[in-house]
Amino acid sequence: MKPFHCLFKHLVGSVALAAALATLGSAPAMAQASYNVGATSTGVPFTFLDIKTNKLQGMMVDTVTAVGNKAGFSVNIQQTPFAALIPSLTGNKIDIIAAAMLKTEARAQIVDFSDPVYSYGEGLFVNAQDGKSYKNLDDLKGEIVGAQVGTVFVDALNKKGGFKEVKTYDSVADMMRDVALGRIKAGFGDRPIVAYQLAQGANPQVRLVKEYQPTLMGDVCLVIRKGDPRLMERLNKAIAELKADGTLARIVEQWKLN
């Protein structure tokens, strides 16, 4: 009986060990502790380069940092031109985009968007000496207008048609310069960015058209590569918690976006 007893104990132990190994094998992988985040240096107040600290700052930088703190990961913010954000993400140079990037159907075919952290539309600015009222795009028919390369405004303006030309610019500052010099009639950009820059005295020769009604309202989200549901779950859970405890509202208030 003794040999049988030993054999039985051996079999039970083996089964227990196999079960334990199976359990370990099915457990979720360790959550990633750090992510590279792409942000632009020209998207004040969403993302911008602080020349005093030589670091990227802004509402979306604070947001992704807060999301990381809540979700249990750190972020490494990397300066990336707006037009290079999605290529850098899909090329694995960065893991998350935190910028003033509106969610669109075209972009959603390439990358995945988190739950919204902020919503806004386009802003229209003209020469400060131009006192005409511009309420919609039809009021600029036959004119030369501008938009920042890589933004949804370029495609929207070209699709609308009726303009003499739609010029593209690397930055809102470059566009404001040409509006001030009379090279283009009007410029289009993210309304919070344009309003913030003009309020800070970026170009006194340009004014924001307050009566203009935006047509491209959209959501700003954190953006990740497709096929990463685990990271998306972490982001959305953290965003929901930041909304619930008021942190996100305080970040928006801090950057005067409300």
C-alpha atoms as a PDB file:
ATOM      1  CA  MET A   1       0.000   0.000   0.000  1.00  0.00           C
ATOM      2  CA  LYS A   2       2.873   2.310   0.703  1.00  0.00           C
ATOM      3  CA  PRO A   3       4.171   2.424  -2.919  1.00  0.00           C
ATOM      4  CA  PHE A   4       0.629   3.133  -4.133  1.00  0.00           C
ATOM      5  CA  HIS A   5       0.268   5.892  -1.559  1.00  0.00           C
ATOM      6  CA  CYS A   6       3.485   7.521  -2.759  1.00  0.00           C
ATOM      7  CA  LEU A   7       2.429   7.206  -6.373  1.00  0.00           C
ATOM      8  CA  PHE A   8      -0.946   8.797  -5.576  1.00  0.00           C
ATOM      9  CA  LYS A   9       0.738  11.737  -3.823  1.00  0.00           C
ATOM     10  CA  HIS A  10       3.072  12.147  -6.791  1.00  0.00           C
ATOM     11  CA  LEU A  11       0.154  12.210  -9.232  1.00  0.00           C
ATOM     12  CA  VAL A  12      -1.783  14.749  -7.151  1.00  0.00           C
ATOM     13  CA  GLY A  13       1.300  16.946  -6.879  1.00  0.00           C
ATOM     14  CA  SER A  14       1.848  16.789 -10.619  1.00  0.00           C
ATOM     15  CA  VAL A  15      -1.751  17.740 -11.339  1.00  0.00           C
ATOM     16  CA  ALA A  16      -1.549  20.655  -8.893  1.00  0.00           C
ATOM     17  CA  LEU A  17       1.694  21.861 -10.468  1.00  0.00           C
ATOM     18  CA  ALA A  18       0.237  21.634 -13.958  1.00  0.00           C
ATOM     19  CA  ALA A  19      -2.833  23.591 -12.854  1.00  0.00           C
ATOM     20  CA  ALA A  20      -0.657  26.280 -11.296  1.00  0.00           C
ATOM     21  CA  LEU A  21       1.441  26.585 -14.450  1.00  0.00           C
ATOM     22  CA  ALA A  22      -1.694  26.775 -16.572  1.00  0.00           C
ATOM     23  CA  THR A  23      -3.024  29.549 -14.365  1.00  0.00           C
ATOM     24  CA  LEU A  24       0.207  31.491 -14.672  1.00  0.00           C
ATOM     25  CA  GLY A  25       0.218  30.995 -18.400  1.00  0.00           C
ATOM     26  CA  SER A  26      -3.284  32.397 -18.743  1.00  0.00           C
ATOM     27  CA  ALA A  27      -2.650  35.436 -16.510  1.00  0.00           C
ATOM     28  CA  PRO A  28      -2.417  38.807 -18.317  1.00  0.00           C
ATOM     29  CA  ALA A  29       1.050  40.043 -19.165  1.00  0.00           C
ATOM     30  CA  MET A  30       2.639  42.660 -16.940  1.00  0.00           C
ATOM     31  CA  ALA A  31       1.269  46.089 -17.852  1.00  0.00           C
ATOM     32  CA  GLN A  32       3.781  48.333 -19.598  1.00  0.00           C
ATOM     33  CA  ALA A  33       5.268  50.871 -17.184  1.00  0.00           C
ATOM     34  CA  SER A  34       6.327  53.622 -19.594  1.00  0.00           C
ATOM     35  CA  TYR A  35       5.162  54.999 -22.948  1.00  0.00           C
ATOM     36  CA  ASN A  36       6.664  57.395 -25.489  1.00  0.00           C
ATOM     37  CA  VAL A  37       4.226  60.226 -26.205  1.00  0.00           C
ATOM     38  CA  GLY A  38       4.314  62.407 -29.311  1.00  0.00           C
ATOM     39  CA  ALA A  39       3.370  66.091 -28.921  1.00  0.00           C
ATOM     40  CA  THR A  40       3.873  69.151 -31.116  1.00  0.00           C
ATOM     41  CA  SER A  41       5.816  72.291 -30.200  1.00  0.00           C
ATOM     42  CA  THR A  42       3.450  74.722 -31.969  1.00  0.00           C
ATOM     43  CA  GLY A  43      -0.018  73.920 -30.587  1.00  0.00           C
ATOM     44  CA  VAL A  44      -0.394  76.443 -27.752  1.00  0.00           C
ATOM     45  CA  PRO A  45      -2.167  75.927 -25.375  1.00  0.00           C
ATOM     46  CA  PHE A  46      -2.585  72.196 -26.091  1.00  0.00           C
ATOM     47  CA  THR A  47       1.107  71.462 -26.629  1.00  0.00           C
ATOM     48  CA  PHE A  48       4.045  73.836 -26.973  1.00  0.00           C
ATOM     49  CA  LEU A  49       7.745  74.186 -26.257  1.00  0.00           C
ATOM     50  CA  ASP A  50       8.468  76.298 -23.177  1.00  0.00           C
ATOM     51  CA  ILE A  51      11.667  78.096 -24.121  1.00  0.00           C
ATOM     52  CA  LYS A  52      12.498  78.736 -20.455  1.00  0.00           C
ATOM     53  CA  THR A  53      12.564  75.049 -19.549  1.00  0.00           C
ATOM     54  CA  ASN A  54      13.066  73.639 -23.068  1.00  0.00           C
ATOM     55  CA  LYS A  55      10.256  71.180 -22.301  1.00  0.00           C
ATOM     56  CA  LEU A  56       6.921  70.514 -23.957  1.00  0.00           C
ATOM     57  CA  GLN A  57       3.964  71.785 -21.954  1.00  0.00           C
ATOM     58  CA  GLY A  58       0.247  72.396 -22.424  1.00  0.00           C
ATOM     59  CA  MET A  59      -3.209  71.014 -21.742  1.00  0.00           C
ATOM     60  CA  MET A  60      -2.666  67.702 -23.569  1.00  0.00           C
ATOM     61  CA  VAL A  61       0.744  67.208 -21.955  1.00  0.00           C
ATOM     62  CA  ASP A  62      -0.842  67.676 -18.528  1.00  0.00           C
ATOM     63  CA  THR A  63      -3.717  65.394 -19.524  1.00  0.00           C
ATOM     64  CA  VAL A  64      -1.602  62.468 -20.708  1.00  0.00           C
ATOM     65  CA  THR A  65       0.618  62.858 -17.637  1.00  0.00           C
ATOM     66  CA  ALA A  66      -2.428  62.740 -15.353  1.00  0.00           C
ATOM     67  CA  VAL A  67      -3.790  59.733 -17.261  1.00  0.00           C
ATOM     68  CA  GLY A  68      -0.463  57.979 -16.824  1.00  0.00           C
ATOM     69  CA  ASN A  69      -0.390  58.713 -13.101  1.00  0.00           C
ATOM     70  CA  LYS A  70      -3.908  57.384 -12.728  1.00  0.00           C
ATOM     71  CA  ALA A  71      -3.282  54.295 -14.881  1.00  0.00           C
ATOM     72  CA  GLY A  72       0.096  53.501 -13.338  1.00  0.00           C
ATOM     73  CA  PHE A  73       2.546  54.324 -16.125  1.00  0.00           C
ATOM     74  CA  SER A  74       5.045  57.113 -16.801  1.00  0.00           C
ATOM     75  CA  VAL A  75       5.273  59.133 -20.016  1.00  0.00           C
ATOM     76  CA  ASN A  76       8.241  60.262 -22.071  1.00  0.00           C
ATOM     77  CA  ILE A  77       7.117  63.320 -24.052  1.00  0.00           C
ATOM     78  CA  GLN A  78       8.768  63.609 -27.474  1.00  0.00           C
ATOM     79  CA  GLN A  79       8.607  66.655 -29.746  1.00  0.00           C
ATOM     80  CA  THR A  80       7.009  65.633 -33.059  1.00  0.00           C
ATOM     81  CA  PRO A  81       5.750  67.801 -35.973  1.00  0.00           C
ATOM     82  CA  PHE A  82       1.973  67.575 -36.362  1.00  0.00           C
ATOM     83  CA  ALA A  83       2.124  66.004 -39.832  1.00  0.00           C
ATOM     84  CA  ALA A  84       4.521  63.336 -38.510  1.00  0.00           C
ATOM     85  CA  LEU A  85       2.443  62.292 -35.473  1.00  0.00           C
ATOM     86  CA  ILE A  86       0.476  59.450 -37.071  1.00  0.00           C
ATOM     87  CA  PRO A  87       3.429  58.136 -39.150  1.00  0.00           C
ATOM     88  CA  SER A  88       5.560  58.159 -35.971  1.00  0.00           C
ATOM     89  CA  LEU A  89       2.835  56.246 -34.120  1.00  0.00           C
ATOM     90  CA  THR A  90       2.291  53.603 -36.787  1.00  0.00           C
ATOM     91  CA  GLY A  91       6.073  53.347 -37.229  1.00  0.00           C
ATOM     92  CA  ASN A  92       6.496  52.525 -33.506  1.00  0.00           C
ATOM     93  CA  LYS A  93       8.581  55.617 -32.797  1.00  0.00           C
ATOM     94  CA  ILE A  94       5.953  56.750 -30.282  1.00  0.00           C
ATOM     95  CA  ASP A  95       3.189  54.876 -28.445  1.00  0.00           C
ATOM     96  CA  ILE A  96       0.613  57.614 -27.772  1.00  0.00           C
ATOM     97  CA  ILE A  97      -0.298  60.907 -29.448  1.00  0.00           C
ATOM     98  CA  ALA A  98      -1.238  63.752 -27.095  1.00  0.00           C
ATOM     99  CA  ALA A  99      -1.965  66.779 -29.279  1.00  0.00           C
ATOM    100  CA  ALA A 100      -4.767  68.955 -30.666  1.00  0.00           C
ATOM    101  CA  MET A 101      -5.743  66.203 -33.103  1.00  0.00           C
ATOM    102  CA  LEU A 102      -9.443  65.934 -33.895  1.00  0.00           C
ATOM    103  CA  LYS A 103     -10.973  62.498 -34.316  1.00  0.00           C
ATOM    104  CA  THR A 104     -12.073  61.865 -37.908  1.00  0.00           C
ATOM    105  CA  GLU A 105     -13.356  58.833 -39.808  1.00  0.00           C
ATOM    106  CA  ALA A 106     -10.285  58.861 -42.042  1.00  0.00           C
ATOM    107  CA  ARG A 107      -7.875  58.914 -39.113  1.00  0.00           C
ATOM    108  CA  ALA A 108      -9.905  56.263 -37.262  1.00  0.00           C
ATOM    109  CA  GLN A 109      -9.201  53.846 -40.107  1.00  0.00           C
ATOM    110  CA  ILE A 110      -5.475  54.085 -39.341  1.00  0.00           C
ATOM    111  CA  VAL A 111      -5.290  54.630 -35.559  1.00  0.00           C
ATOM    112  CA  ASP A 112      -7.505  54.239 -32.485  1.00  0.00           C
ATOM    113  CA  PHE A 113      -8.897  57.137 -30.440  1.00  0.00           C
ATOM    114  CA  SER A 114      -9.615  57.131 -26.720  1.00  0.00           C
ATOM    115  CA  ASP A 115     -12.736  58.613 -25.171  1.00  0.00           C
ATOM    116  CA  PRO A 116     -12.808  62.426 -25.710  1.00  0.00           C
ATOM    117  CA  VAL A 117     -10.919  64.729 -23.345  1.00  0.00           C
ATOM    118  CA  TYR A 118     -11.999  68.000 -25.020  1.00  0.00           C
ATOM    119  CA  SER A 119     -14.179  69.217 -27.922  1.00  0.00           C
ATOM    120  CA  TYR A 120     -13.922  72.284 -30.178  1.00  0.00           C
ATOM    121  CA  GLY A 121     -14.202  73.582 -33.753  1.00  0.00           C
ATOM    122  CA  GLU A 122     -12.230  75.694 -36.214  1.00  0.00           C
ATOM    123  CA  GLY A 123     -11.481  79.368 -35.754  1.00  0.00           C
ATOM    124  CA  LEU A 124     -11.266  81.992 -38.512  1.00  0.00           C
ATOM    125  CA  PHE A 125      -8.853  84.915 -38.364  1.00  0.00           C
ATOM    126  CA  VAL A 126      -8.357  87.873 -40.705  1.00  0.00           C
ATOM    127  CA  ASN A 127      -6.338  91.072 -40.875  1.00  0.00           C
ATOM    128  CA  ALA A 128      -7.129  93.363 -37.950  1.00  0.00           C
ATOM    129  CA  GLN A 129      -7.991  96.158 -40.426  1.00  0.00           C
ATOM    130  CA  ASP A 130     -10.609  93.959 -42.080  1.00  0.00           C
ATOM    131  CA  GLY A 131     -13.860  94.884 -40.358  1.00  0.00           C
ATOM    132  CA  LYS A 132     -16.118  92.688 -42.494  1.00  0.00           C
ATOM    133  CA  SER A 133     -18.332  90.133 -40.762  1.00  0.00           C
ATOM    134  CA  TYR A 134     -17.593  86.533 -41.788  1.00  0.00           C
ATOM    135  CA  LYS A 135     -20.225  84.131 -40.485  1.00  0.00           C
ATOM    136  CA  ASN A 136     -19.526  81.088 -42.666  1.00  0.00           C
ATOM    137  CA  LEU A 137     -17.302  79.742 -45.412  1.00  0.00           C
ATOM    138  CA  ASP A 138     -19.485  81.160 -48.177  1.00  0.00           C
ATOM    139  CA  ASP A 139     -18.488  84.659 -47.076  1.00  0.00           C
ATOM    140  CA  LEU A 140     -14.935  83.892 -48.262  1.00  0.00           C
ATOM    141  CA  LYS A 141     -15.838  82.638 -51.727  1.00  0.00           C
ATOM    142  CA  GLY A 142     -13.205  83.544 -54.322  1.00  0.00           C
ATOM    143  CA  GLU A 143     -10.568  84.406 -51.701  1.00  0.00           C
ATOM    144  CA  ILE A 144      -7.169  82.868 -50.904  1.00  0.00           C
ATOM    145  CA  VAL A 145      -7.344  81.152 -47.517  1.00  0.00           C
ATOM    146  CA  GLY A 146      -4.929  79.096 -45.438  1.00  0.00           C
ATOM    147  CA  ALA A 147      -4.818  76.142 -43.053  1.00  0.00           C
ATOM    148  CA  GLN A 148      -2.147  74.194 -41.214  1.00  0.00           C
ATOM    149  CA  VAL A 149      -0.788  71.163 -43.042  1.00  0.00           C
ATOM    150  CA  GLY A 150      -1.966  67.838 -41.614  1.00  0.00           C
ATOM    151  CA  THR A 151      -5.143  69.267 -40.068  1.00  0.00           C
ATOM    152  CA  VAL A 152      -8.717  68.348 -41.019  1.00  0.00           C
ATOM    153  CA  PHE A 153      -9.261  71.935 -42.156  1.00  0.00           C
ATOM    154  CA  VAL A 154      -7.193  71.490 -45.330  1.00  0.00           C
ATOM    155  CA  ASP A 155      -9.387  68.675 -46.669  1.00  0.00           C
ATOM    156  CA  ALA A 156     -12.573  70.422 -45.525  1.00  0.00           C
ATOM    157  CA  LEU A 157     -11.695  73.655 -47.326  1.00  0.00           C
ATOM    158  CA  ASN A 158     -10.708  71.852 -50.521  1.00  0.00           C
ATOM    159  CA  LYS A 159     -13.893  69.778 -50.372  1.00  0.00           C
ATOM    160  CA  LYS A 160     -16.005  72.909 -49.858  1.00  0.00           C
ATOM    161  CA  GLY A 161     -14.463  74.587 -52.899  1.00  0.00           C
ATOM    162  CA  GLY A 162     -15.207  78.073 -54.134  1.00  0.00           C
ATOM    163  CA  PHE A 163     -11.899  79.515 -52.923  1.00  0.00           C
ATOM    164  CA  LYS A 164      -9.317  80.971 -55.272  1.00  0.00           C
ATOM    165  CA  GLU A 165      -6.668  78.923 -53.456  1.00  0.00           C
ATOM    166  CA  VAL A 166      -6.179  76.968 -50.237  1.00  0.00           C
ATOM    167  CA  LYS A 167      -2.599  77.451 -49.045  1.00  0.00           C
ATOM    168  CA  THR A 168      -1.040  75.196 -46.400  1.00  0.00           C
ATOM    169  CA  TYR A 169       1.324  76.227 -43.603  1.00  0.00           C
ATOM    170  CA  ASP A 170       3.600  74.433 -41.168  1.00  0.00           C
ATOM    171  CA  SER A 171       2.337  76.503 -38.240  1.00  0.00           C
ATOM    172  CA  VAL A 172      -0.432  78.896 -37.208  1.00  0.00           C
ATOM    173  CA  ALA A 173       2.237  81.574 -36.649  1.00  0.00           C
ATOM    174  CA  ASP A 174       3.313  81.378 -40.308  1.00  0.00           C
ATOM    175  CA  MET A 175      -0.319  81.633 -41.382  1.00  0.00           C
ATOM    176  CA  MET A 176      -0.907  84.671 -39.166  1.00  0.00           C
ATOM    177  CA  ARG A 177       2.116  86.364 -40.735  1.00  0.00           C
ATOM    178  CA  ASP A 178       0.671  85.988 -44.239  1.00  0.00           C
ATOM    179  CA  VAL A 179      -2.765  87.193 -43.096  1.00  0.00           C
ATOM    180  CA  ALA A 180      -1.135  90.256 -41.531  1.00  0.00           C
ATOM    181  CA  LEU A 181       0.835  90.932 -44.728  1.00  0.00           C
ATOM    182  CA  GLY A 182      -2.232  90.503 -46.937  1.00  0.00           C
ATOM    183  CA  ARG A 183      -0.877  87.488 -48.775  1.00  0.00           C
ATOM    184  CA  ILE A 184      -4.005  85.523 -47.887  1.00  0.00           C
ATOM    185  CA  LYS A 185      -7.459  86.774 -46.939  1.00  0.00           C
ATOM    186  CA  ALA A 186      -8.060  84.506 -43.957  1.00  0.00           C
ATOM    187  CA  GLY A 187      -6.622  81.624 -41.999  1.00  0.00           C
ATOM    188  CA  PHE A 188      -8.247  78.635 -40.321  1.00  0.00           C
ATOM    189  CA  GLY A 189      -6.945  76.872 -37.237  1.00  0.00           C
ATOM    190  CA  ASP A 190      -7.978  75.180 -34.015  1.00  0.00           C
ATOM    191  CA  ARG A 191     -10.084  77.884 -32.380  1.00  0.00           C
ATOM    192  CA  PRO A 192      -8.684  77.477 -28.838  1.00  0.00           C
ATOM    193  CA  ILE A 193      -5.126  77.636 -30.176  1.00  0.00           C
ATOM    194  CA  VAL A 194      -5.796  80.728 -32.298  1.00  0.00           C
ATOM    195  CA  ALA A 195      -7.715  82.476 -29.510  1.00  0.00           C
ATOM    196  CA  TYR A 196      -5.016  81.742 -26.923  1.00  0.00           C
ATOM    197  CA  GLN A 197      -2.163  82.908 -29.142  1.00  0.00           C
ATOM    198  CA  LEU A 198      -3.915  86.147 -30.094  1.00  0.00           C
ATOM    199  CA  ALA A 199      -4.816  86.792 -26.435  1.00  0.00           C
ATOM    200  CA  GLN A 200      -1.119  86.474 -25.616  1.00  0.00           C
ATOM    201  CA  GLY A 201      -0.264  89.127 -28.234  1.00  0.00           C
ATOM    202  CA  ALA A 202       1.079  86.728 -30.854  1.00  0.00           C
ATOM    203  CA  ASN A 203       0.176  89.039 -33.756  1.00  0.00           C
ATOM    204  CA  PRO A 204      -1.692  92.324 -33.116  1.00  0.00           C
ATOM    205  CA  GLN A 205      -2.226  92.723 -36.874  1.00  0.00           C
ATOM    206  CA  VAL A 206      -4.615  89.754 -36.864  1.00  0.00           C
ATOM    207  CA  ARG A 207      -8.049  89.352 -35.255  1.00  0.00           C
ATOM    208  CA  LEU A 208     -10.214  86.334 -34.491  1.00  0.00           C
ATOM    209  CA  VAL A 209     -13.639  86.547 -36.150  1.00  0.00           C
ATOM    210  CA  LYS A 210     -15.920  86.002 -33.159  1.00  0.00           C
ATOM    211  CA  GLU A 211     -19.160  85.776 -35.144  1.00  0.00           C
ATOM    212  CA  TYR A 212     -17.865  82.944 -37.346  1.00  0.00           C
ATOM    213  CA  GLN A 213     -19.775  79.682 -36.801  1.00  0.00           C
ATOM    214  CA  PRO A 214     -17.509  76.596 -36.910  1.00  0.00           C
ATOM    215  CA  THR A 215     -18.614  73.675 -39.066  1.00  0.00           C
ATOM    216  CA  LEU A 216     -16.034  71.085 -38.025  1.00  0.00           C
ATOM    217  CA  MET A 217     -16.745  70.462 -34.359  1.00  0.00           C
ATOM    218  CA  GLY A 218     -14.731  67.505 -33.161  1.00  0.00           C
ATOM    219  CA  ASP A 219     -13.277  65.621 -30.235  1.00  0.00           C
ATOM    220  CA  VAL A 220      -9.686  65.698 -29.015  1.00  0.00           C
ATOM    221  CA  CYS A 221      -8.572  62.301 -27.723  1.00  0.00           C
ATOM    222  CA  LEU A 222      -5.443  60.371 -26.907  1.00  0.00           C
ATOM    223  CA  VAL A 223      -4.407  58.307 -29.926  1.00  0.00           C
ATOM    224  CA  ILE A 224      -2.770  54.868 -30.056  1.00  0.00           C
ATOM    225  CA  ARG A 225      -1.929  52.191 -32.601  1.00  0.00           C
ATOM    226  CA  LYS A 226      -4.668  49.810 -33.651  1.00  0.00           C
ATOM    227  CA  GLY A 227      -4.810  46.411 -32.005  1.00  0.00           C
ATOM    228  CA  ASP A 228      -3.974  47.374 -28.423  1.00  0.00           C
ATOM    229  CA  PRO A 229      -7.245  46.958 -26.464  1.00  0.00           C
ATOM    230  CA  ARG A 230      -5.383  46.593 -23.166  1.00  0.00           C
ATOM    231  CA  LEU A 231      -3.797  50.053 -23.436  1.00  0.00           C
ATOM    232  CA  MET A 232      -7.080  51.548 -24.658  1.00  0.00           C
ATOM    233  CA  GLU A 233      -8.858  50.121 -21.619  1.00  0.00           C
ATOM    234  CA  ARG A 234      -6.249  51.652 -19.314  1.00  0.00           C
ATOM    235  CA  LEU A 235      -6.569  55.055 -21.009  1.00  0.00           C
ATOM    236  CA  ASN A 236     -10.370  55.160 -20.995  1.00  0.00           C
ATOM    237  CA  LYS A 237     -10.608  53.998 -17.392  1.00  0.00           C
ATOM    238  CA  ALA A 238      -8.174  56.726 -16.301  1.00  0.00           C
ATOM    239  CA  ILE A 239      -9.954  59.400 -18.391  1.00  0.00           C
ATOM    240  CA  ALA A 240     -13.296  58.475 -16.790  1.00  0.00           C
ATOM    241  CA  GLU A 241     -11.774  58.739 -13.319  1.00  0.00           C
ATOM    242  CA  LEU A 242     -10.147  62.105 -14.109  1.00  0.00           C
ATOM    243  CA  LYS A 243     -13.493  63.436 -15.318  1.00  0.00           C
ATOM    244  CA  ALA A 244     -15.265  62.123 -12.222  1.00  0.00           C
ATOM    245  CA  ASP A 245     -12.830  63.595  -9.695  1.00  0.00           C
ATOM    246  CA  GLY A 246     -12.608  66.971 -11.467  1.00  0.00           C
ATOM    247  CA  THR A 247      -8.933  66.725 -12.473  1.00  0.00           C
ATOM    248  CA  LEU A 248      -9.625  67.069 -16.190  1.00  0.00           C
ATOM    249  CA  ALA A 249     -11.866  70.100 -15.629  1.00  0.00           C
ATOM    250  CA  ARG A 250      -9.098  71.744 -13.578  1.00  0.00           C
ATOM    251  CA  ILE A 251      -6.574  71.138 -16.366  1.00  0.00           C
ATOM    252  CA  VAL A 252      -8.938  72.715 -18.914  1.00  0.00           C
ATOM    253  CA  GLU A 253      -9.466  75.682 -16.590  1.00  0.00           C
ATOM    254  CA  GLN A 254      -5.733  76.096 -16.000  1.00  0.00           C
ATOM    255  CA  TRP A 255      -5.119  76.472 -19.744  1.00  0.00           C
ATOM    256  CA  LYS A 256      -8.110  78.830 -20.184  1.00  0.00           C
ATOM    257  CA  LEU A 257      -9.900  76.517 -22.602  1.00  0.00           C
ATOM    258  CA  ASN A 258     -13.357  76.851 -21.101  1.00  0.00           C
END
